[in-house]
PDB file of all heavy atoms in Angstrom:
ATOM      1  N   ARG A   1     117.570-157.698  24.926  1.00  0.00           N
ATOM      2  CA  ARG A   1     116.927-156.942  23.852  1.00  0.00           C
ATOM      3  C   ARG A   1     115.905-157.841  23.126  1.00  0.00           C
ATOM      4  O   ARG A   1     115.881-157.919  21.917  1.00  0.00           O
ATOM      5  CB  ARG A   1     117.970-156.386  22.889  1.00  0.00           C
ATOM      6  CG  ARG A   1     118.949-155.430  23.558  1.00  0.00           C
ATOM      7  CD  ARG A   1     120.042-154.974  22.617  1.00  0.00           C
ATOM      8  NE  ARG A   1     119.560-154.235  21.468  1.00  0.00           N
ATOM      9  CZ  ARG A   1     119.473-154.730  20.247  1.00  0.00           C
ATOM     10  NH1 ARG A   1     119.812-156.009  20.006  1.00  0.00           N
ATOM     11  NH2 ARG A   1     119.028-154.004  19.255  1.00  0.00           N
ATOM     12  N   ARG A   2     115.058-158.511  23.920  1.00  0.00           N
ATOM     13  CA  ARG A   2     114.078-159.431  23.347  1.00  0.00           C
ATOM     14  C   ARG A   2     113.139-158.671  22.402  1.00  0.00           C
ATOM     15  O   ARG A   2     112.625-157.606  22.746  1.00  0.00           O
ATOM     16  CB  ARG A   2     113.278-160.112  24.453  1.00  0.00           C
ATOM     17  CG  ARG A   2     112.368-161.225  23.974  1.00  0.00           C
ATOM     18  CD  ARG A   2     111.694-161.927  25.129  1.00  0.00           C
ATOM     19  NE  ARG A   2     112.672-162.673  25.933  1.00  0.00           N
ATOM     20  CZ  ARG A   2     113.011-162.359  27.153  1.00  0.00           C
ATOM     21  NH1 ARG A   2     112.483-161.288  27.727  1.00  0.00           N
ATOM     22  NH2 ARG A   2     113.887-163.082  27.830  1.00  0.00           N
ATOM     23  N   GLY A   3     112.913-159.227  21.218  1.00  0.00           N
ATOM     24  CA  GLY A   3     112.051-158.584  20.231  1.00  0.00           C
ATOM     25  C   GLY A   3     112.808-157.721  19.247  1.00  0.00           C
ATOM     26  O   GLY A   3     112.229-157.230  18.269  1.00  0.00           O
ATOM     27  N   ARG A   4     114.116-157.522  19.476  1.00  0.00           N
ATOM     28  CA  ARG A   4     114.951-156.757  18.536  1.00  0.00           C
ATOM     29  C   ARG A   4     115.728-157.737  17.699  1.00  0.00           C
ATOM     30  O   ARG A   4     116.389-158.651  18.225  1.00  0.00           O
ATOM     31  CB  ARG A   4     115.906-155.832  19.301  1.00  0.00           C
ATOM     32  CG  ARG A   4     115.220-154.873  20.252  1.00  0.00           C
ATOM     33  CD  ARG A   4     114.452-153.797  19.507  1.00  0.00           C
ATOM     34  NE  ARG A   4     115.338-152.788  18.956  1.00  0.00           N
ATOM     35  CZ  ARG A   4     115.044-152.026  17.899  1.00  0.00           C
ATOM     36  NH1 ARG A   4     113.902-152.187  17.268  1.00  0.00           N
ATOM     37  NH2 ARG A   4     115.885-151.115  17.476  1.00  0.00           N
ATOM     38  N   GLY A   5     115.653-157.595  16.385  1.00  0.00           N
ATOM     39  CA  GLY A   5     116.222-158.598  15.505  1.00  0.00           C
ATOM     40  C   GLY A   5     117.656-158.369  15.080  1.00  0.00           C
ATOM     41  O   GLY A   5     118.232-159.209  14.396  1.00  0.00           O
ATOM     42  N   SER A   6     118.250-157.247  15.463  1.00  0.00           N
ATOM     43  CA  SER A   6     119.639-156.973  15.089  1.00  0.00           C
ATOM     44  C   SER A   6     120.508-156.952  16.348  1.00  0.00           C
ATOM     45  O   SER A   6     120.222-156.207  17.284  1.00  0.00           O
ATOM     46  CB  SER A   6     119.735-155.620  14.359  1.00  0.00           C
ATOM     47  OG  SER A   6     119.174-154.609  15.152  1.00  0.00           O
ATOM     48  N   ALA A   7     121.509-157.782  16.359  1.00  0.00           N
ATOM     49  CA  ALA A   7     122.397-157.864  17.537  1.00  0.00           C
ATOM     50  C   ALA A   7     123.314-156.650  17.597  1.00  0.00           C
ATOM     51  O   ALA A   7     123.731-156.109  16.570  1.00  0.00           O
ATOM     52  CB  ALA A   7     123.222-159.147  17.466  1.00  0.00           C
ATOM     53  N   VAL A   8     123.614-156.204  18.820  1.00  0.00           N
ATOM     54  CA  VAL A   8     124.593-155.130  18.999  1.00  0.00           C
ATOM     55  C   VAL A   8     125.607-155.568  20.051  1.00  0.00           C
ATOM     56  O   VAL A   8     125.231-156.079  21.105  1.00  0.00           O
ATOM     57  CB  VAL A   8     123.912-153.805  19.435  1.00  0.00           C
ATOM     58  CG1 VAL A   8     123.092-153.227  18.309  1.00  0.00           C
ATOM     59  CG2 VAL A   8     123.034-153.994  20.659  1.00  0.00           C
ATOM     60  N   ARG A   9     126.864-155.394  19.736  1.00  0.00           N
ATOM     61  CA  ARG A   9     127.931-155.812  20.645  1.00  0.00           C
ATOM     62  C   ARG A   9     128.144-154.753  21.732  1.00  0.00           C
ATOM     63  O   ARG A   9     127.532-153.694  21.701  1.00  0.00           O
ATOM     64  CB  ARG A   9     129.228-156.018  19.844  1.00  0.00           C
ATOM     65  CG  ARG A   9     129.116-157.185  18.849  1.00  0.00           C
ATOM     66  CD  ARG A   9     130.441-157.405  18.122  1.00  0.00           C
ATOM     67  NE  ARG A   9     130.774-156.256  17.274  1.00  0.00           N
ATOM     68  CZ  ARG A   9     130.318-156.108  16.029  1.00  0.00           C
ATOM     69  NH1 ARG A   9     129.484-157.026  15.524  1.00  0.00           N
ATOM     70  NH2 ARG A   9     130.670-155.064  15.309  1.00  0.00           N
ATOM     71  N   ALA A  10     129.046-155.070  22.679  1.00  0.00           N
ATOM     72  CA  ALA A  10     129.251-154.203  23.844  1.00  0.00           C
ATOM     73  C   ALA A  10     129.652-152.795  23.426  1.00  0.00           C
ATOM     74  O   ALA A  10     129.144-151.803  23.935  1.00  0.00           O
ATOM     75  CB  ALA A  10     130.280-154.815  24.783  1.00  0.00           C
ATOM     76  N   ARG A  11     130.637-152.702  22.497  1.00  0.00           N
ATOM     77  CA  ARG A  11     131.091-151.376  22.058  1.00  0.00           C
ATOM     78  C   ARG A  11     129.960-150.611  21.391  1.00  0.00           C
ATOM     79  O   ARG A  11     129.808-149.395  21.576  1.00  0.00           O
ATOM     80  CB  ARG A  11     132.270-151.531  21.094  1.00  0.00           C
ATOM     81  CG  ARG A  11     132.838-150.197  20.598  1.00  0.00           C
ATOM     82  CD  ARG A  11     133.976-150.420  19.612  1.00  0.00           C
ATOM     83  NE  ARG A  11     133.557-151.205  18.464  1.00  0.00           N
ATOM     84  CZ  ARG A  11     132.860-150.714  17.425  1.00  0.00           C
ATOM     85  NH1 ARG A  11     132.491-149.422  17.418  1.00  0.00           N
ATOM     86  NH2 ARG A  11     132.526-151.470  16.419  1.00  0.00           N
ATOM     87  N   GLN A  12     129.114-151.330  20.618  1.00  0.00           N
ATOM     88  CA  GLN A  12     128.002-150.670  19.945  1.00  0.00           C
ATOM     89  C   GLN A  12     126.950-150.196  20.961  1.00  0.00           C
ATOM     90  O   GLN A  12     126.338-149.147  20.782  1.00  0.00           O
ATOM     91  CB  GLN A  12     127.371-151.641  18.945  1.00  0.00           C
ATOM     92  CG  GLN A  12     128.285-151.953  17.761  1.00  0.00           C
ATOM     93  CD  GLN A  12     127.698-153.030  16.874  1.00  0.00           C
ATOM     94  OE1 GLN A  12     127.195-154.055  17.351  1.00  0.00           O
ATOM     95  NE2 GLN A  12     127.735-152.801  15.562  1.00  0.00           N
ATOM     96  N   ARG A  13     126.805-150.947  22.038  1.00  0.00           N
ATOM     97  CA  ARG A  13     125.854-150.522  23.066  1.00  0.00           C
ATOM     98  C   ARG A  13     126.319-149.193  23.693  1.00  0.00           C
ATOM     99  O   ARG A  13     125.501-148.340  24.018  1.00  0.00           O
ATOM    100  CB  ARG A  13     125.703-151.590  24.142  1.00  0.00           C
ATOM    101  CG  ARG A  13     124.967-152.832  23.669  1.00  0.00           C
ATOM    102  CD  ARG A  13     124.421-153.635  24.830  1.00  0.00           C
ATOM    103  NE  ARG A  13     123.812-154.880  24.384  1.00  0.00           N
ATOM    104  CZ  ARG A  13     122.870-155.542  25.047  1.00  0.00           C
ATOM    105  NH1 ARG A  13     122.447-155.092  26.228  1.00  0.00           N
ATOM    106  NH2 ARG A  13     122.374-156.665  24.586  1.00  0.00           N
ATOM    107  N   ASP A  14     127.621-149.069  23.866  1.00  0.00           N
ATOM    108  CA  ASP A  14     128.141-147.801  24.404  1.00  0.00           C
ATOM    109  C   ASP A  14     127.826-146.648  23.462  1.00  0.00           C
ATOM    110  O   ASP A  14     127.477-145.542  23.903  1.00  0.00           O
ATOM    111  CB  ASP A  14     129.642-147.899  24.634  1.00  0.00           C
ATOM    112  CG  ASP A  14     129.982-148.793  25.833  1.00  0.00           C
ATOM    113  OD1 ASP A  14     129.078-149.055  26.660  1.00  0.00           O
ATOM    114  OD2 ASP A  14     131.144-149.234  25.930  1.00  0.00           O
ATOM    115  N   GLU A  15     127.968-146.893  22.156  1.00  0.00           N
ATOM    116  CA  GLU A  15     127.660-145.845  21.177  1.00  0.00           C
ATOM    117  C   GLU A  15     126.180-145.477  21.197  1.00  0.00           C
ATOM    118  O   GLU A  15     125.795-144.296  21.129  1.00  0.00           O
ATOM    119  CB  GLU A  15     128.051-146.306  19.780  1.00  0.00           C
ATOM    120  CG  GLU A  15     129.556-146.442  19.564  1.00  0.00           C
ATOM    121  CD  GLU A  15     129.891-146.909  18.175  1.00  0.00           C
ATOM    122  OE1 GLU A  15     129.392-147.984  17.759  1.00  0.00           O
ATOM    123  OE2 GLU A  15     130.658-146.197  17.477  1.00  0.00           O
ATOM    124  N   ILE A  16     125.325-146.496  21.312  1.00  0.00           N
ATOM    125  CA  ILE A  16     123.881-146.244  21.360  1.00  0.00           C
ATOM    126  C   ILE A  16     123.518-145.496  22.629  1.00  0.00           C
ATOM    127  O   ILE A  16     122.695-144.564  22.607  1.00  0.00           O
ATOM    128  CB  ILE A  16     123.084-147.573  21.254  1.00  0.00           C
ATOM    129  CG1 ILE A  16     123.298-148.201  19.871  1.00  0.00           C
ATOM    130  CG2 ILE A  16     121.601-147.342  21.522  1.00  0.00           C
ATOM    131  CD1 ILE A  16     122.727-149.596  19.733  1.00  0.00           C
ATOM    132  N   TRP A  17     124.174-145.876  23.747  1.00  0.00           N
ATOM    133  CA  TRP A  17     123.866-145.177  24.984  1.00  0.00           C
ATOM    134  C   TRP A  17     124.306-143.711  24.918  1.00  0.00           C
ATOM    135  O   TRP A  17     123.627-142.834  25.472  1.00  0.00           O
ATOM    136  CB  TRP A  17     124.505-145.861  26.181  1.00  0.00           C
ATOM    137  CG  TRP A  17     124.043-145.237  27.464  1.00  0.00           C
ATOM    138  CD1 TRP A  17     124.731-144.413  28.284  1.00  0.00           C
ATOM    139  CD2 TRP A  17     122.729-145.364  28.036  1.00  0.00           C
ATOM    140  NE1 TRP A  17     123.942-143.997  29.345  1.00  0.00           N
ATOM    141  CE2 TRP A  17     122.700-144.583  29.215  1.00  0.00           C
ATOM    142  CE3 TRP A  17     121.588-146.066  27.656  1.00  0.00           C
ATOM    143  CZ2 TRP A  17     121.575-144.466  30.004  1.00  0.00           C
ATOM    144  CZ3 TRP A  17     120.457-145.962  28.451  1.00  0.00           C
ATOM    145  CH2 TRP A  17     120.457-145.171  29.611  1.00  0.00           C
ATOM    146  N   GLN A  18     125.387-143.454  24.246  1.00  0.00           N
ATOM    147  CA  GLN A  18     125.807-142.069  24.063  1.00  0.00           C
ATOM    148  C   GLN A  18     124.738-141.291  23.281  1.00  0.00           C
ATOM    149  O   GLN A  18     124.458-140.134  23.588  1.00  0.00           O
ATOM    150  CB  GLN A  18     127.147-142.006  23.318  1.00  0.00           C
ATOM    151  CG  GLN A  18     127.697-140.589  23.190  1.00  0.00           C
ATOM    152  CD  GLN A  18     129.028-140.539  22.448  1.00  0.00           C
ATOM    153  OE1 GLN A  18     129.539-141.568  21.997  1.00  0.00           O
ATOM    154  NE2 GLN A  18     129.581-139.344  22.318  1.00  0.00           N
ATOM    155  N   ALA A  19     124.134-141.974  22.298  1.00  0.00           N
ATOM    156  CA  ALA A  19     123.051-141.341  21.542  1.00  0.00           C
ATOM    157  C   ALA A  19     121.855-141.060  22.443  1.00  0.00           C
ATOM    158  O   ALA A  19     121.216-140.004  22.344  1.00  0.00           O
ATOM    159  CB  ALA A  19     122.653-142.234  20.367  1.00  0.00           C
ATOM    160  N   VAL A  20     121.539-142.007  23.339  1.00  0.00           N
ATOM    161  CA  VAL A  20     120.423-141.817  24.274  1.00  0.00           C
ATOM    162  C   VAL A  20     120.689-140.614  25.180  1.00  0.00           C
ATOM    163  O   VAL A  20     119.791-139.788  25.420  1.00  0.00           O
ATOM    164  CB  VAL A  20     120.199-143.092  25.108  1.00  0.00           C
ATOM    165  CG1 VAL A  20     119.225-142.838  26.250  1.00  0.00           C
ATOM    166  CG2 VAL A  20     119.697-144.233  24.223  1.00  0.00           C
ATOM    167  N   GLU A  21     121.906-140.509  25.667  1.00  0.00           N
ATOM    168  CA  GLU A  21     122.233-139.380  26.540  1.00  0.00           C
ATOM    169  C   GLU A  21     122.194-138.065  25.783  1.00  0.00           C
ATOM    170  O   GLU A  21     121.729-137.040  26.307  1.00  0.00           O
ATOM    171  CB  GLU A  21     123.614-139.586  27.155  1.00  0.00           C
ATOM    172  CG  GLU A  21     123.655-140.728  28.188  1.00  0.00           C
ATOM    173  CD  GLU A  21     125.018-140.888  28.827  1.00  0.00           C
ATOM    174  OE1 GLU A  21     126.029-140.575  28.137  1.00  0.00           O
ATOM    175  OE2 GLU A  21     125.087-141.297  30.005  1.00  0.00           O
ATOM    176  N   THR A  22     122.672-138.065  24.541  1.00  0.00           N
ATOM    177  CA  THR A  22     122.639-136.851  23.721  1.00  0.00           C
ATOM    178  C   THR A  22     121.201-136.431  23.443  1.00  0.00           C
ATOM    179  O   THR A  22     120.860-135.243  23.489  1.00  0.00           O
ATOM    180  CB  THR A  22     123.391-137.080  22.390  1.00  0.00           C
ATOM    181  OG1 THR A  22     124.732-137.498  22.670  1.00  0.00           O
ATOM    182  CG2 THR A  22     123.417-135.815  21.556  1.00  0.00           C
ATOM    183  N   PHE A  23     120.357-137.407  23.155  1.00  0.00           N
ATOM    184  CA  PHE A  23     118.930-137.153  22.932  1.00  0.00           C
ATOM    185  C   PHE A  23     118.325-136.516  24.185  1.00  0.00           C
ATOM    186  O   PHE A  23     117.596-135.521  24.102  1.00  0.00           O
ATOM    187  CB  PHE A  23     118.230-138.477  22.588  1.00  0.00           C
ATOM    188  CG  PHE A  23     116.742-138.381  22.442  1.00  0.00           C
ATOM    189  CD1 PHE A  23     116.171-137.942  21.253  1.00  0.00           C
ATOM    190  CD2 PHE A  23     115.892-138.740  23.490  1.00  0.00           C
ATOM    191  CE1 PHE A  23     114.783-137.858  21.119  1.00  0.00           C
ATOM    192  CE2 PHE A  23     114.507-138.663  23.357  1.00  0.00           C
ATOM    193  CZ  PHE A  23     113.963-138.220  22.169  1.00  0.00           C
ATOM    194  N   GLY A  24     118.646-137.071  25.354  1.00  0.00           N
ATOM    195  CA  GLY A  24     118.114-136.521  26.599  1.00  0.00           C
ATOM    196  C   GLY A  24     118.623-135.123  26.875  1.00  0.00           C
ATOM    197  O   GLY A  24     117.865-134.263  27.356  1.00  0.00           O
ATOM    198  N   ASP A  25     119.900-134.865  26.568  1.00  0.00           N
ATOM    199  CA  ASP A  25     120.465-133.527  26.781  1.00  0.00           C
ATOM    200  C   ASP A  25     119.731-132.488  25.934  1.00  0.00           C
ATOM    201  O   ASP A  25     119.438-131.377  26.413  1.00  0.00           O
ATOM    202  CB  ASP A  25     121.955-133.526  26.440  1.00  0.00           C
ATOM    203  CG  ASP A  25     122.787-134.317  27.438  1.00  0.00           C
ATOM    204  OD1 ASP A  25     122.292-134.558  28.554  1.00  0.00           O
ATOM    205  OD2 ASP A  25     123.922-134.701  27.088  1.00  0.00           O
ATOM    206  N   GLU A  26     119.449-132.854  24.681  1.00  0.00           N
ATOM    207  CA  GLU A  26     118.774-131.898  23.790  1.00  0.00           C
ATOM    208  C   GLU A  26     117.362-131.594  24.297  1.00  0.00           C
ATOM    209  O   GLU A  26     116.912-130.450  24.244  1.00  0.00           O
ATOM    210  CB  GLU A  26     118.731-132.440  22.363  1.00  0.00           C
ATOM    211  CG  GLU A  26     118.107-131.457  21.388  1.00  0.00           C
ATOM    212  CD  GLU A  26     118.445-131.729  19.934  1.00  0.00           C
ATOM    213  OE1 GLU A  26     119.481-132.375  19.666  1.00  0.00           O
ATOM    214  OE2 GLU A  26     117.676-131.286  19.072  1.00  0.00           O
ATOM    215  N   LEU A  27     116.669-132.617  24.784  1.00  0.00           N
ATOM    216  CA  LEU A  27     115.327-132.394  25.335  1.00  0.00           C
ATOM    217  C   LEU A  27     115.385-131.483  26.556  1.00  0.00           C
ATOM    218  O   LEU A  27     114.583-130.545  26.685  1.00  0.00           O
ATOM    219  CB  LEU A  27     114.678-133.731  25.717  1.00  0.00           C
ATOM    220  CG  LEU A  27     114.165-134.623  24.582  1.00  0.00           C
ATOM    221  CD1 LEU A  27     113.607-135.922  25.155  1.00  0.00           C
ATOM    222  CD2 LEU A  27     113.083-133.915  23.769  1.00  0.00           C
ATOM    223  N   ARG A  28     116.336-131.742  27.442  1.00  0.00           N
ATOM    224  CA  ARG A  28     116.427-130.934  28.657  1.00  0.00           C
ATOM    225  C   ARG A  28     116.772-129.480  28.354  1.00  0.00           C
ATOM    226  O   ARG A  28     116.259-128.561  28.996  1.00  0.00           O
ATOM    227  CB  ARG A  28     117.462-131.538  29.617  1.00  0.00           C
ATOM    228  CG  ARG A  28     116.932-132.743  30.393  1.00  0.00           C
ATOM    229  CD  ARG A  28     117.928-133.206  31.446  1.00  0.00           C
ATOM    230  NE  ARG A  28     119.130-133.781  30.846  1.00  0.00           N
ATOM    231  CZ  ARG A  28     119.242-135.053  30.474  1.00  0.00           C
ATOM    232  NH1 ARG A  28     118.224-135.879  30.661  1.00  0.00           N
ATOM    233  NH2 ARG A  28     120.355-135.510  29.948  1.00  0.00           N
ATOM    234  N   SER A  29     117.655-129.280  27.385  1.00  0.00           N
ATOM    235  CA  SER A  29     118.036-127.910  27.048  1.00  0.00           C
ATOM    236  C   SER A  29     116.854-127.125  26.488  1.00  0.00           C
ATOM    237  O   SER A  29     116.777-125.903  26.650  1.00  0.00           O
ATOM    238  CB  SER A  29     119.200-127.909  26.050  1.00  0.00           C
ATOM    239  OG  SER A  29     118.794-128.463  24.815  1.00  0.00           O
ATOM    240  N   ALA A  30     115.938-127.844  25.833  1.00  0.00           N
ATOM    241  CA  ALA A  30     114.742-127.190  25.278  1.00  0.00           C
ATOM    242  C   ALA A  30     113.573-127.241  26.244  1.00  0.00           C
ATOM    243  O   ALA A  30     112.477-126.761  25.919  1.00  0.00           O
ATOM    244  CB  ALA A  30     114.359-127.876  23.964  1.00  0.00           C
ATOM    245  N   ARG A  31     113.829-127.816  27.446  1.00  0.00           N
ATOM    246  CA  ARG A  31     112.775-127.997  28.449  1.00  0.00           C
ATOM    247  C   ARG A  31     111.584-128.773  27.871  1.00  0.00           C
ATOM    248  O   ARG A  31     110.426-128.416  28.068  1.00  0.00           O
ATOM    249  CB  ARG A  31     112.318-126.659  29.013  1.00  0.00           C
ATOM    250  CG  ARG A  31     113.430-125.945  29.784  1.00  0.00           C
ATOM    251  CD  ARG A  31     112.916-124.694  30.473  1.00  0.00           C
ATOM    252  NE  ARG A  31     113.981-124.063  31.254  1.00  0.00           N
ATOM    253  CZ  ARG A  31     113.823-122.961  31.967  1.00  0.00           C
ATOM    254  NH1 ARG A  31     112.626-122.353  32.017  1.00  0.00           N
ATOM    255  NH2 ARG A  31     114.834-122.458  32.659  1.00  0.00           N
ATOM    256  N   LYS A  32     111.912-129.824  27.132  1.00  0.00           N
ATOM    257  CA  LYS A  32     110.909-130.686  26.505  1.00  0.00           C
ATOM    258  C   LYS A  32     111.060-132.096  27.046  1.00  0.00           C
ATOM    259  O   LYS A  32     112.011-132.422  27.756  1.00  0.00           O
ATOM    260  CB  LYS A  32     111.083-130.702  24.981  1.00  0.00           C
ATOM    261  CG  LYS A  32     110.921-129.342  24.305  1.00  0.00           C
ATOM    262  CD  LYS A  32     109.465-128.948  24.240  1.00  0.00           C
ATOM    263  CE  LYS A  32     109.283-127.665  23.433  1.00  0.00           C
ATOM    264  NZ  LYS A  32     107.852-127.286  23.300  1.00  0.00           N
ATOM    265  N   THR A  33     110.129-132.952  26.689  1.00  0.00           N
ATOM    266  CA  THR A  33     110.165-134.361  27.081  1.00  0.00           C
ATOM    267  C   THR A  33     109.334-135.156  26.090  1.00  0.00           C
ATOM    268  O   THR A  33     108.770-134.581  25.141  1.00  0.00           O
ATOM    269  CB  THR A  33     109.633-134.542  28.511  1.00  0.00           C
ATOM    270  OG1 THR A  33     109.800-135.899  28.921  1.00  0.00           O
ATOM    271  CG2 THR A  33     108.162-134.183  28.619  1.00  0.00           C
ATOM    272  N   THR A  34     109.246-136.468  26.279  1.00  0.00           N
ATOM    273  CA  THR A  34     108.351-137.298  25.470  1.00  0.00           C
ATOM    274  C   THR A  34     107.218-137.784  26.363  1.00  0.00           C
ATOM    275  O   THR A  34     107.322-137.781  27.586  1.00  0.00           O
ATOM    276  CB  THR A  34     109.081-138.503  24.861  1.00  0.00           C
ATOM    277  OG1 THR A  34     109.430-139.429  25.928  1.00  0.00           O
ATOM    278  CG2 THR A  34     110.322-138.081  24.109  1.00  0.00           C
ATOM    279  N   HIS A  35     106.139-138.246  25.722  1.00  0.00           N
ATOM    280  CA  HIS A  35     104.993-138.740  26.493  1.00  0.00           C
ATOM    281  C   HIS A  35     105.402-139.924  27.378  1.00  0.00           C
ATOM    282  O   HIS A  35     104.964-140.013  28.541  1.00  0.00           O
ATOM    283  CB  HIS A  35     103.876-139.152  25.545  1.00  0.00           C
ATOM    284  CG  HIS A  35     103.158-138.007  24.939  1.00  0.00           C
ATOM    285  ND1 HIS A  35     102.287-137.201  25.657  1.00  0.00           N
ATOM    286  CD2 HIS A  35     103.153-137.520  23.657  1.00  0.00           C
ATOM    287  CE1 HIS A  35     101.794-136.271  24.851  1.00  0.00           C
ATOM    288  NE2 HIS A  35     102.293-136.442  23.643  1.00  0.00           N
ATOM    289  N   LEU A  36     106.238-140.798  26.859  1.00  0.00           N
ATOM    290  CA  LEU A  36     106.622-141.972  27.642  1.00  0.00           C
ATOM    291  C   LEU A  36     107.556-141.595  28.786  1.00  0.00           C
ATOM    292  O   LEU A  36     107.539-142.234  29.842  1.00  0.00           O
ATOM    293  CB  LEU A  36     107.271-143.025  26.739  1.00  0.00           C
ATOM    294  CG  LEU A  36     106.322-143.678  25.721  1.00  0.00           C
ATOM    295  CD1 LEU A  36     107.061-144.705  24.882  1.00  0.00           C
ATOM    296  CD2 LEU A  36     105.135-144.335  26.426  1.00  0.00           C
ATOM    297  N   GLN A  37     108.355-140.570  28.587  1.00  0.00           N
ATOM    298  CA  GLN A  37     109.195-140.096  29.696  1.00  0.00           C
ATOM    299  C   GLN A  37     108.338-139.466  30.799  1.00  0.00           C
ATOM    300  O   GLN A  37     108.653-139.586  31.987  1.00  0.00           O
ATOM    301  CB  GLN A  37     110.224-139.090  29.184  1.00  0.00           C
ATOM    302  CG  GLN A  37     111.366-139.743  28.396  1.00  0.00           C
ATOM    303  CD  GLN A  37     112.318-138.715  27.828  1.00  0.00           C
ATOM    304  OE1 GLN A  37     111.915-137.798  27.111  1.00  0.00           O
ATOM    305  NE2 GLN A  37     113.611-138.865  28.132  1.00  0.00           N
TER     306      GLN A  37
END
């Protein structure tokens, strides 16, 4: 995570990844995406 100033432990990474998956699910259900995706 070079350039990120706040450390996140393994358990926290799992929580963040769950957020990423939830974010993706909401986009797919709305048939939307982001420019970078």
